[in-house]
């Protein structure tokens, strides 16, 4: 099943939900204000993204919302600290939506071309 992580107020999260509804693709929406990703979920998203992005460091960078007010506290960290900082501050630092298709595929942001391949 497809999972969408984000917040109800985020425009792109609403658009992602609409995308899957229109195509009658079942999904689960997880509001980060109520429940953040577990360590296992977060790890599977980073692992799935690292295949597309070229590595874990690049995947973590892709997951970060560079427009966030908290970005300055993240930007100058050592690469070895960034993944933990992002996990601990998901609501404030994650670019939304984060969509996960099982444990093997994930996207961040609006990625309709990739979503179209998901069943």
N, C-alpha and C. Protein backbone atom coordinates (compact mmCIF):
# COMPACT_ATOMS: atom_id res chain seq x y z
N UNK A 1 0.83 -1.19 0.00
CA UNK A 1 0.00 0.00 0.00
C UNK A 1 0.87 1.25 0.00
N UNK A 2 0.39 2.27 -0.64
CA UNK A 2 1.10 3.54 -0.72
C UNK A 2 0.82 4.35 0.54
N UNK A 3 1.88 4.93 1.09
CA UNK A 3 1.75 5.80 2.24
C UNK A 3 2.20 7.20 1.83
N UNK A 4 1.43 8.20 2.27
CA UNK A 4 1.80 9.60 2.04
C UNK A 4 2.05 10.22 3.41
N UNK A 5 3.26 10.69 3.62
CA UNK A 5 3.62 11.37 4.87
C UNK A 5 3.63 12.87 4.60
N UNK A 6 2.94 13.62 5.45
CA UNK A 6 2.91 15.07 5.29
C UNK A 6 1.95 15.68 6.28
N UNK A 7 1.48 16.89 5.97
CA UNK A 7 0.51 17.56 6.83
C UNK A 7 -0.70 17.94 6.00
N UNK A 8 -1.83 18.05 6.68
CA UNK A 8 -3.09 18.37 5.99
C UNK A 8 -3.09 19.77 5.39
N UNK A 9 -2.27 20.66 5.91
CA UNK A 9 -2.26 22.03 5.42
C UNK A 9 -1.34 22.22 4.21
N UNK A 10 -0.51 21.23 3.92
CA UNK A 10 0.44 21.35 2.82
C UNK A 10 -0.25 21.14 1.47
N UNK A 11 -0.12 22.09 0.58
CA UNK A 11 -0.78 22.04 -0.73
C UNK A 11 -0.34 20.82 -1.53
N UNK A 12 0.95 20.52 -1.54
CA UNK A 12 1.44 19.37 -2.32
C UNK A 12 0.94 18.05 -1.75
N UNK A 13 0.74 17.98 -0.45
CA UNK A 13 0.18 16.76 0.15
C UNK A 13 -1.26 16.56 -0.31
N UNK A 14 -2.01 17.65 -0.35
CA UNK A 14 -3.39 17.57 -0.84
C UNK A 14 -3.40 17.14 -2.30
N UNK A 15 -2.49 17.68 -3.10
CA UNK A 15 -2.40 17.32 -4.52
C UNK A 15 -2.03 15.85 -4.70
N UNK A 16 -1.13 15.35 -3.86
CA UNK A 16 -0.74 13.94 -3.94
C UNK A 16 -1.93 13.04 -3.60
N UNK A 17 -2.67 13.40 -2.56
CA UNK A 17 -3.85 12.61 -2.21
C UNK A 17 -4.87 12.61 -3.34
N UNK A 18 -5.07 13.77 -3.96
CA UNK A 18 -6.00 13.89 -5.08
C UNK A 18 -5.53 13.03 -6.26
N UNK A 19 -4.21 13.03 -6.52
CA UNK A 19 -3.64 12.24 -7.62
C UNK A 19 -4.01 10.76 -7.46
N UNK A 20 -3.80 10.21 -6.27
CA UNK A 20 -4.08 8.79 -6.05
C UNK A 20 -5.59 8.51 -6.01
N UNK A 21 -6.38 9.43 -5.43
CA UNK A 21 -7.84 9.24 -5.40
C UNK A 21 -8.41 9.18 -6.81
N UNK A 22 -7.97 10.11 -7.67
CA UNK A 22 -8.48 10.17 -9.04
C UNK A 22 -8.18 8.90 -9.81
N UNK A 23 -7.10 8.22 -9.46
CA UNK A 23 -6.71 6.99 -10.15
C UNK A 23 -7.16 5.74 -9.40
N UNK A 24 -7.93 5.96 -8.34
CA UNK A 24 -8.45 4.87 -7.50
C UNK A 24 -7.33 3.96 -6.97
N UNK A 25 -6.23 4.57 -6.63
CA UNK A 25 -5.11 3.84 -6.04
C UNK A 25 -5.22 3.99 -4.52
N UNK A 26 -5.36 2.88 -3.80
CA UNK A 26 -5.50 3.00 -2.34
C UNK A 26 -4.22 3.54 -1.70
N UNK A 27 -4.40 4.40 -0.72
CA UNK A 27 -3.25 4.97 -0.02
C UNK A 27 -3.63 5.24 1.42
N UNK A 28 -2.61 5.43 2.24
CA UNK A 28 -2.79 5.79 3.64
C UNK A 28 -2.08 7.12 3.84
N UNK A 29 -2.80 8.11 4.38
CA UNK A 29 -2.19 9.40 4.68
C UNK A 29 -1.79 9.43 6.14
N UNK A 30 -0.53 9.77 6.40
CA UNK A 30 -0.04 9.89 7.77
C UNK A 30 0.31 11.35 8.02
N UNK A 31 -0.43 11.98 8.93
CA UNK A 31 -0.20 13.38 9.27
C UNK A 31 0.98 13.46 10.23
N UNK A 32 2.05 14.12 9.80
CA UNK A 32 3.26 14.21 10.62
C UNK A 32 3.04 14.97 11.92
N UNK A 33 1.97 15.78 11.98
CA UNK A 33 1.68 16.49 13.22
C UNK A 33 1.16 15.52 14.28
N UNK A 34 0.56 14.41 13.84
CA UNK A 34 0.02 13.44 14.77
C UNK A 34 0.99 12.29 15.04
N UNK A 35 1.70 11.85 13.98
CA UNK A 35 2.59 10.69 14.13
C UNK A 35 3.71 10.80 13.09
N UNK A 36 4.93 10.92 13.57
CA UNK A 36 6.06 10.98 12.65
C UNK A 36 6.46 9.58 12.21
N UNK A 37 7.32 9.49 11.20
CA UNK A 37 7.79 8.20 10.72
C UNK A 37 8.56 7.48 11.82
N UNK A 38 8.38 6.18 11.87
CA UNK A 38 9.18 5.38 12.80
C UNK A 38 10.60 5.28 12.24
N UNK A 39 11.50 4.78 13.04
CA UNK A 39 12.89 4.63 12.58
C UNK A 39 12.95 3.70 11.37
N UNK A 40 12.16 2.62 11.39
CA UNK A 40 12.15 1.68 10.27
C UNK A 40 11.59 2.29 9.00
N UNK A 41 10.49 3.05 9.13
CA UNK A 41 9.89 3.73 7.98
C UNK A 41 10.87 4.74 7.39
N UNK A 42 11.47 5.53 8.27
CA UNK A 42 12.43 6.55 7.83
C UNK A 42 13.60 5.90 7.10
N UNK A 43 14.13 4.82 7.66
CA UNK A 43 15.26 4.13 7.04
C UNK A 43 14.88 3.56 5.67
N UNK A 44 13.68 2.99 5.55
CA UNK A 44 13.29 2.43 4.25
C UNK A 44 13.09 3.53 3.21
N UNK A 45 12.61 4.70 3.62
CA UNK A 45 12.48 5.83 2.69
C UNK A 45 13.85 6.29 2.23
N UNK A 46 14.78 6.47 3.16
CA UNK A 46 16.13 6.92 2.81
C UNK A 46 16.81 5.88 1.91
N UNK A 47 16.66 4.61 2.24
CA UNK A 47 17.27 3.54 1.43
C UNK A 47 16.70 3.53 0.02
N UNK A 48 15.36 3.64 -0.09
CA UNK A 48 14.72 3.65 -1.42
C UNK A 48 15.15 4.87 -2.23
N UNK A 49 15.20 6.03 -1.58
CA UNK A 49 15.62 7.25 -2.29
C UNK A 49 17.09 7.20 -2.67
N UNK A 50 17.90 6.55 -1.87
CA UNK A 50 19.34 6.51 -2.15
C UNK A 50 19.64 5.79 -3.46
N UNK A 51 18.79 4.86 -3.86
CA UNK A 51 18.97 4.17 -5.15
C UNK A 51 18.81 5.15 -6.31
N UNK A 52 17.87 6.07 -6.17
CA UNK A 52 17.61 7.05 -7.23
C UNK A 52 18.55 8.25 -7.15
N UNK A 53 18.90 8.63 -5.93
CA UNK A 53 19.69 9.86 -5.72
C UNK A 53 21.20 9.62 -5.79
N UNK A 54 21.64 8.38 -5.64
CA UNK A 54 23.06 8.09 -5.74
C UNK A 54 23.77 7.84 -4.42
N UNK A 55 23.03 7.73 -3.33
CA UNK A 55 23.64 7.44 -2.04
C UNK A 55 22.81 7.98 -0.90
N UNK A 56 23.11 7.54 0.31
CA UNK A 56 22.33 7.96 1.49
C UNK A 56 22.46 9.46 1.76
N UNK A 57 23.66 9.99 1.62
CA UNK A 57 23.85 11.42 1.87
C UNK A 57 23.00 12.25 0.93
N UNK A 58 22.98 11.87 -0.36
CA UNK A 58 22.18 12.59 -1.36
C UNK A 58 20.69 12.42 -1.09
N UNK A 59 20.29 11.23 -0.63
CA UNK A 59 18.88 10.99 -0.31
C UNK A 59 18.42 11.87 0.86
N UNK A 60 19.26 11.99 1.88
CA UNK A 60 18.93 12.84 3.03
C UNK A 60 18.81 14.30 2.57
N UNK A 61 19.72 14.74 1.71
CA UNK A 61 19.66 16.11 1.18
C UNK A 61 18.37 16.32 0.39
N UNK A 62 17.95 15.31 -0.38
CA UNK A 62 16.73 15.42 -1.19
C UNK A 62 15.48 15.52 -0.30
N UNK A 63 15.54 14.92 0.89
CA UNK A 63 14.40 14.92 1.80
C UNK A 63 14.21 16.24 2.55
N UNK A 64 15.22 17.07 2.55
CA UNK A 64 15.17 18.30 3.35
C UNK A 64 14.49 19.44 2.59
N UNK A 65 13.59 20.12 3.29
CA UNK A 65 12.94 21.30 2.75
C UNK A 65 13.86 22.50 2.96
N UNK A 66 14.49 22.92 1.89
CA UNK A 66 15.47 24.02 1.99
C UNK A 66 14.81 25.37 2.28
N UNK A 67 13.49 25.44 2.18
CA UNK A 67 12.76 26.67 2.48
C UNK A 67 12.31 26.73 3.94
N UNK A 68 12.56 25.66 4.67
CA UNK A 68 12.14 25.58 6.07
C UNK A 68 12.89 26.60 6.92
N UNK A 69 12.19 27.12 7.92
CA UNK A 69 12.84 28.07 8.84
C UNK A 69 13.92 27.37 9.67
N UNK A 70 13.86 26.06 9.76
CA UNK A 70 14.84 25.29 10.53
C UNK A 70 16.04 24.85 9.68
N UNK A 71 16.03 25.17 8.38
CA UNK A 71 17.07 24.66 7.49
C UNK A 71 18.47 25.12 7.92
N UNK A 72 18.59 26.32 8.43
CA UNK A 72 19.92 26.82 8.81
C UNK A 72 20.56 25.96 9.91
N UNK A 73 19.73 25.35 10.75
CA UNK A 73 20.28 24.48 11.81
C UNK A 73 20.74 23.14 11.24
N UNK A 74 20.36 22.85 10.02
CA UNK A 74 20.69 21.58 9.36
C UNK A 74 21.82 21.75 8.35
N UNK A 75 21.83 22.86 7.66
CA UNK A 75 22.71 23.05 6.49
C UNK A 75 24.19 22.90 6.81
N UNK A 76 24.60 23.34 7.98
CA UNK A 76 26.04 23.37 8.27
C UNK A 76 26.50 22.18 9.11
N UNK A 77 25.63 21.22 9.30
CA UNK A 77 26.03 20.01 10.04
C UNK A 77 26.95 19.15 9.18
N UNK A 78 27.73 18.34 9.85
CA UNK A 78 28.53 17.34 9.17
C UNK A 78 27.57 16.30 8.57
N UNK A 79 27.91 15.75 7.40
CA UNK A 79 27.04 14.78 6.74
C UNK A 79 26.64 13.63 7.67
N UNK A 80 27.55 13.24 8.57
CA UNK A 80 27.26 12.12 9.47
C UNK A 80 26.17 12.46 10.49
N UNK A 81 25.88 13.75 10.71
CA UNK A 81 24.88 14.17 11.69
C UNK A 81 23.53 14.49 11.05
N UNK A 82 23.52 14.70 9.74
CA UNK A 82 22.31 15.19 9.07
C UNK A 82 21.14 14.22 9.13
N UNK A 83 21.40 12.94 8.95
CA UNK A 83 20.30 11.96 8.95
C UNK A 83 19.59 11.94 10.30
N UNK A 84 20.35 11.96 11.40
CA UNK A 84 19.74 11.97 12.74
C UNK A 84 18.96 13.26 12.98
N UNK A 85 19.51 14.38 12.56
CA UNK A 85 18.84 15.67 12.73
C UNK A 85 17.51 15.67 11.97
N UNK A 86 17.52 15.16 10.75
CA UNK A 86 16.30 15.11 9.95
C UNK A 86 15.26 14.19 10.60
N UNK A 87 15.70 13.03 11.07
CA UNK A 87 14.78 12.09 11.73
C UNK A 87 14.15 12.73 12.98
N UNK A 88 14.95 13.44 13.75
CA UNK A 88 14.47 14.06 14.99
C UNK A 88 13.59 15.28 14.76
N UNK A 89 13.63 15.86 13.57
CA UNK A 89 12.87 17.09 13.26
C UNK A 89 12.06 16.93 11.98
N UNK A 90 11.37 15.81 11.85
CA UNK A 90 10.64 15.52 10.62
C UNK A 90 9.61 16.58 10.26
N UNK A 91 8.84 16.99 11.23
CA UNK A 91 7.77 17.95 10.94
C UNK A 91 8.31 19.27 10.41
N UNK A 92 9.43 19.71 10.94
CA UNK A 92 9.98 21.01 10.55
C UNK A 92 10.92 20.95 9.35
N UNK A 93 11.55 19.80 9.10
CA UNK A 93 12.59 19.75 8.07
C UNK A 93 12.24 18.95 6.81
N UNK A 94 11.29 18.02 6.89
CA UNK A 94 11.00 17.18 5.72
C UNK A 94 10.29 17.94 4.62
N UNK A 95 10.77 17.76 3.41
CA UNK A 95 10.06 18.26 2.24
C UNK A 95 8.85 17.35 2.06
N UNK A 96 7.69 17.94 1.76
CA UNK A 96 6.46 17.16 1.66
C UNK A 96 5.91 17.18 0.24
N UNK A 97 5.19 16.16 -0.15
CA UNK A 97 4.91 14.93 0.56
C UNK A 97 6.04 13.91 0.37
N UNK A 98 6.16 13.02 1.34
CA UNK A 98 7.03 11.86 1.19
C UNK A 98 6.09 10.69 0.92
N UNK A 99 6.23 10.07 -0.24
CA UNK A 99 5.36 8.95 -0.62
C UNK A 99 6.19 7.68 -0.65
N UNK A 100 5.61 6.64 -0.08
CA UNK A 100 6.33 5.37 0.01
C UNK A 100 5.45 4.27 -0.57
N UNK A 101 6.01 3.50 -1.47
CA UNK A 101 5.31 2.38 -2.08
C UNK A 101 5.98 1.10 -1.57
N UNK A 102 5.41 0.52 -0.53
CA UNK A 102 6.05 -0.63 0.10
C UNK A 102 7.36 -0.21 0.73
N UNK A 103 8.30 -1.14 0.78
CA UNK A 103 9.59 -0.82 1.38
C UNK A 103 10.66 -0.56 0.33
N UNK A 104 10.28 -0.68 -0.95
CA UNK A 104 11.30 -0.62 -1.99
C UNK A 104 11.33 0.66 -2.80
N UNK A 105 10.28 1.48 -2.73
CA UNK A 105 10.26 2.70 -3.54
C UNK A 105 9.70 3.86 -2.74
N UNK A 106 10.26 5.03 -2.96
CA UNK A 106 9.81 6.23 -2.26
C UNK A 106 10.12 7.46 -3.10
N UNK A 107 9.33 8.50 -2.88
CA UNK A 107 9.57 9.77 -3.55
C UNK A 107 9.43 10.89 -2.53
N UNK A 108 9.97 12.03 -2.87
CA UNK A 108 9.80 13.23 -2.04
C UNK A 108 9.39 14.35 -2.98
N UNK A 109 8.38 15.12 -2.56
CA UNK A 109 7.85 16.16 -3.42
C UNK A 109 6.87 15.58 -4.43
N UNK A 110 6.51 16.38 -5.40
CA UNK A 110 5.54 15.98 -6.43
C UNK A 110 6.26 15.20 -7.53
N UNK A 111 5.99 13.92 -7.60
CA UNK A 111 6.66 13.04 -8.56
C UNK A 111 5.63 12.19 -9.32
N UNK A 112 4.70 12.86 -10.02
CA UNK A 112 3.62 12.14 -10.69
C UNK A 112 4.10 11.11 -11.70
N UNK A 113 5.18 11.39 -12.41
CA UNK A 113 5.68 10.43 -13.41
C UNK A 113 6.06 9.10 -12.75
N UNK A 114 6.66 9.17 -11.58
CA UNK A 114 7.02 7.95 -10.85
C UNK A 114 5.77 7.31 -10.28
N UNK A 115 4.86 8.12 -9.72
CA UNK A 115 3.64 7.58 -9.13
C UNK A 115 2.81 6.83 -10.15
N UNK A 116 2.83 7.28 -11.41
CA UNK A 116 2.04 6.62 -12.45
C UNK A 116 2.47 5.17 -12.66
N UNK A 117 3.71 4.84 -12.30
CA UNK A 117 4.20 3.45 -12.46
C UNK A 117 3.81 2.58 -11.27
N UNK A 118 3.32 3.19 -10.18
CA UNK A 118 2.94 2.45 -8.98
C UNK A 118 1.54 1.88 -9.13
N UNK A 119 1.34 0.69 -8.64
CA UNK A 119 0.00 0.05 -8.67
C UNK A 119 -0.49 -0.18 -7.27
